[in-house]
Amino acid sequence: MTEVKIGKGYKDMAESLFDLLDFARSATLKAVEGISESTADVVPEGLSNNIRWNLGHIFSSLEHLTLGFAGEPVQTPEEFRKFFGSGTKPAEWVGEAPRLEELFKLLSEQPKRIRQKLESRLNEEVATPFAIPGLTLKTIGELLAFTLYHEGIHVQNIKNLRKLSER
């Protein structure tokens, strides 16, 4: 595995990638620190989603793009697909979405669980590559790296939604 120079020592790429996952998740949780249930549900005019949707989507996407593609069991509650899948939006929700407490718990525990399951498998090719326009991801490591980019986009969305919702 490729080594990355960090300070005076070296880390292997797997360790660096999982450290980045921990960093990204810390940023996500910090962005919603102290948020109320009502603020998490505000959908500003002209937008489709709220903070709660972004949190659930981050969890679900990481779960499916890593563990799911690696052939491991995913721990996404069944109702999460209808609430947080791509293309869903709170205006179309039927039933009660998970509370923030549940989302925070799931988000907090997820990186450690994914590291335990996949740390030694990052170079492994997945059965079905994940393709989006301009990019095809073929290994577990590539998928994990992509989720860091994906989470960063949604963290910025959360920060923007929070500013709009708390005005």
Protein backbone atom coordinates (compact mmCIF):
# COMPACT_ATOMS: atom_id res chain seq x y z
CA MET A 1 0.00 0.00 0.00
CA THR A 2 1.19 3.55 -0.74
CA GLU A 3 2.64 5.47 2.17
CA VAL A 4 1.78 9.10 2.81
CA LYS A 5 4.22 11.31 4.68
CA ILE A 6 2.54 12.88 7.70
CA GLY A 7 4.82 15.10 9.78
CA LYS A 8 8.01 13.21 10.59
CA GLY A 9 6.57 9.74 10.09
CA TYR A 10 4.65 7.81 7.51
CA LYS A 11 1.13 6.46 7.50
CA ASP A 12 -0.14 3.95 5.03
CA MET A 13 -2.93 5.06 2.73
CA ALA A 14 -5.56 2.97 4.54
CA GLU A 15 -4.79 4.62 7.87
CA SER A 16 -4.86 8.06 6.26
CA LEU A 17 -8.16 7.36 4.53
CA PHE A 18 -9.83 6.25 7.75
CA ASP A 19 -8.36 9.23 9.61
CA LEU A 20 -9.96 11.44 6.96
CA LEU A 21 -13.27 9.64 7.47
CA ASP A 22 -13.05 10.36 11.21
CA PHE A 23 -12.18 14.00 10.44
CA ALA A 24 -15.09 14.38 8.01
CA ARG A 25 -17.55 12.82 10.44
CA SER A 26 -16.36 15.08 13.26
CA ALA A 27 -17.02 18.07 10.99
CA THR A 28 -20.49 16.76 10.21
CA LEU A 29 -21.38 16.31 13.87
CA LYS A 30 -19.89 19.67 14.81
CA ALA A 31 -21.99 21.38 12.11
CA VAL A 32 -25.18 20.23 13.87
CA GLU A 33 -24.07 20.61 17.47
CA GLY A 34 -26.90 22.01 19.58
CA ILE A 35 -29.40 22.05 16.74
CA SER A 36 -33.09 21.69 17.58
CA GLU A 37 -35.49 19.20 16.00
CA SER A 38 -37.48 22.09 14.53
CA THR A 39 -34.42 23.73 12.97
CA ALA A 40 -33.40 20.38 11.49
CA ASP A 41 -36.76 20.23 9.67
CA VAL A 42 -36.77 23.67 8.04
CA VAL A 43 -36.75 23.54 4.24
CA PRO A 44 -35.97 27.08 3.07
CA GLU A 45 -37.98 28.43 0.15
CA GLY A 46 -36.58 27.32 -3.18
CA LEU A 47 -34.75 24.31 -1.72
CA SER A 48 -35.76 20.65 -1.55
CA ASN A 49 -34.16 19.29 1.60
CA ASN A 50 -33.44 20.05 5.22
CA ILE A 51 -30.69 19.31 7.72
CA ARG A 52 -32.33 16.06 8.90
CA TRP A 53 -32.43 14.79 5.29
CA ASN A 54 -28.74 15.63 4.77
CA LEU A 55 -27.74 13.77 7.96
CA GLY A 56 -29.72 10.67 7.03
CA HIS A 57 -28.43 10.81 3.47
CA ILE A 58 -24.80 11.01 4.63
CA PHE A 59 -25.30 7.95 6.84
CA SER A 60 -27.16 5.92 4.22
CA SER A 61 -24.78 6.78 1.38
CA LEU A 62 -21.65 5.85 3.31
CA GLU A 63 -23.25 2.61 4.45
CA HIS A 64 -24.28 1.52 0.96
CA LEU A 65 -21.27 2.79 -0.98
CA THR A 66 -18.82 1.05 1.34
CA LEU A 67 -20.29 -1.92 3.17
CA GLY A 68 -23.00 -2.58 0.59
CA PHE A 69 -20.62 -2.63 -2.36
CA ALA A 70 -18.17 -4.73 -0.33
CA GLY A 71 -20.84 -7.40 0.17
CA GLU A 72 -21.07 -6.75 3.92
CA PRO A 73 -24.36 -6.37 5.79
CA VAL A 74 -25.52 -2.76 5.97
CA GLN A 75 -27.02 -1.38 9.16
CA THR A 76 -29.36 1.07 7.50
CA PRO A 77 -32.87 0.89 8.93
CA GLU A 78 -35.34 -0.09 6.18
CA GLU A 79 -37.28 3.18 6.30
CA PHE A 80 -34.13 5.21 5.61
CA ARG A 81 -34.36 4.56 1.85
CA LYS A 82 -37.76 6.23 1.63
CA PHE A 83 -36.63 9.17 3.75
CA PHE A 84 -33.01 9.72 2.67
CA GLY A 85 -32.39 8.01 -0.67
CA SER A 86 -31.24 10.04 -3.67
CA GLY A 87 -34.14 11.98 -5.11
CA THR A 88 -36.22 11.91 -1.92
CA LYS A 89 -37.32 15.05 -0.13
CA PRO A 90 -39.09 15.85 3.13
CA ALA A 91 -42.15 17.27 1.34
CA GLU A 92 -42.92 13.73 0.17
CA TRP A 93 -42.20 11.87 3.43
CA VAL A 94 -44.92 9.58 4.70
CA GLY A 95 -44.56 8.79 8.40
CA GLU A 96 -42.19 10.15 10.97
CA ALA A 97 -38.53 10.56 10.07
CA PRO A 98 -35.87 9.42 12.57
CA ARG A 99 -35.19 11.82 15.41
CA LEU A 100 -31.88 13.68 15.61
CA GLU A 101 -30.79 11.59 18.58
CA GLU A 102 -31.00 8.41 16.48
CA LEU A 103 -29.20 10.01 13.54
CA PHE A 104 -26.41 11.34 15.79
CA LYS A 105 -25.91 7.91 17.35
CA LEU A 106 -25.77 6.16 13.98
CA LEU A 107 -23.42 8.78 12.53
CA SER A 108 -21.13 8.65 15.57
CA GLU A 109 -20.75 4.87 15.51
CA GLN A 110 -20.47 4.35 11.76
CA PRO A 111 -16.81 5.24 11.00
CA LYS A 112 -15.40 2.80 13.58
CA ARG A 113 -17.62 -0.01 12.32
CA ILE A 114 -16.67 0.62 8.69
CA ARG A 115 -12.97 0.74 9.60
CA GLN A 116 -13.23 -2.60 11.41
CA LYS A 117 -14.95 -4.28 8.46
CA LEU A 118 -13.03 -2.77 5.55
CA GLU A 119 -9.58 -1.60 6.67
CA SER A 120 -7.79 -4.56 5.10
CA ARG A 121 -10.00 -4.65 1.99
CA LEU A 122 -9.48 -1.24 0.37
CA ASN A 123 -7.73 -2.60 -2.73
CA GLU A 124 -10.44 -5.20 -3.30
CA GLU A 125 -12.51 -4.77 -6.47
CA VAL A 126 -16.27 -4.67 -6.03
CA ALA A 127 -18.56 -6.98 -8.02
CA THR A 128 -20.36 -4.07 -9.69
CA PRO A 129 -18.45 -0.80 -10.12
CA PHE A 130 -20.22 2.40 -9.11
CA ALA A 131 -20.47 4.83 -12.02
CA ILE A 132 -21.54 8.44 -12.24
CA PRO A 133 -20.93 10.70 -15.24
CA GLY A 134 -17.19 11.07 -15.63
CA LEU A 135 -16.19 8.58 -12.92
CA THR A 136 -16.23 4.83 -12.35
CA LEU A 137 -15.21 3.49 -8.94
CA LYS A 138 -14.02 -0.13 -8.90
CA THR A 139 -12.47 -0.72 -5.48
CA ILE A 140 -13.67 -0.40 -1.91
CA GLY A 141 -10.98 2.23 -1.30
CA GLU A 142 -12.13 4.30 -4.27
CA LEU A 143 -15.70 4.16 -3.00
CA LEU A 144 -14.62 5.20 0.50
CA ALA A 145 -12.58 8.10 -0.90
CA PHE A 146 -15.60 9.25 -2.92
CA THR A 147 -17.80 9.24 0.18
CA LEU A 148 -15.46 11.75 1.81
CA TYR A 149 -16.06 14.16 -1.07
CA HIS A 150 -19.80 13.41 -0.89
CA GLU A 151 -19.96 14.04 2.85
CA GLY A 152 -18.10 17.33 2.45
CA ILE A 153 -20.72 18.56 -0.02
CA HIS A 154 -23.50 17.70 2.41
CA VAL A 155 -21.73 19.26 5.39
CA GLN A 156 -21.58 22.54 3.49
CA ASN A 157 -25.27 22.15 2.64
CA ILE A 158 -25.98 21.61 6.35
CA LYS A 159 -24.03 24.75 7.30
CA ASN A 160 -25.90 26.80 4.72
CA LEU A 161 -29.27 25.37 5.76
CA ARG A 162 -28.50 26.09 9.40
CA LYS A 163 -27.74 29.74 8.63
CA LEU A 164 -30.97 30.08 6.65
CA SER A 165 -33.03 28.21 9.26
CA GLU A 166 -31.81 30.13 12.29
CA ARG A 167 -32.46 33.60 10.89
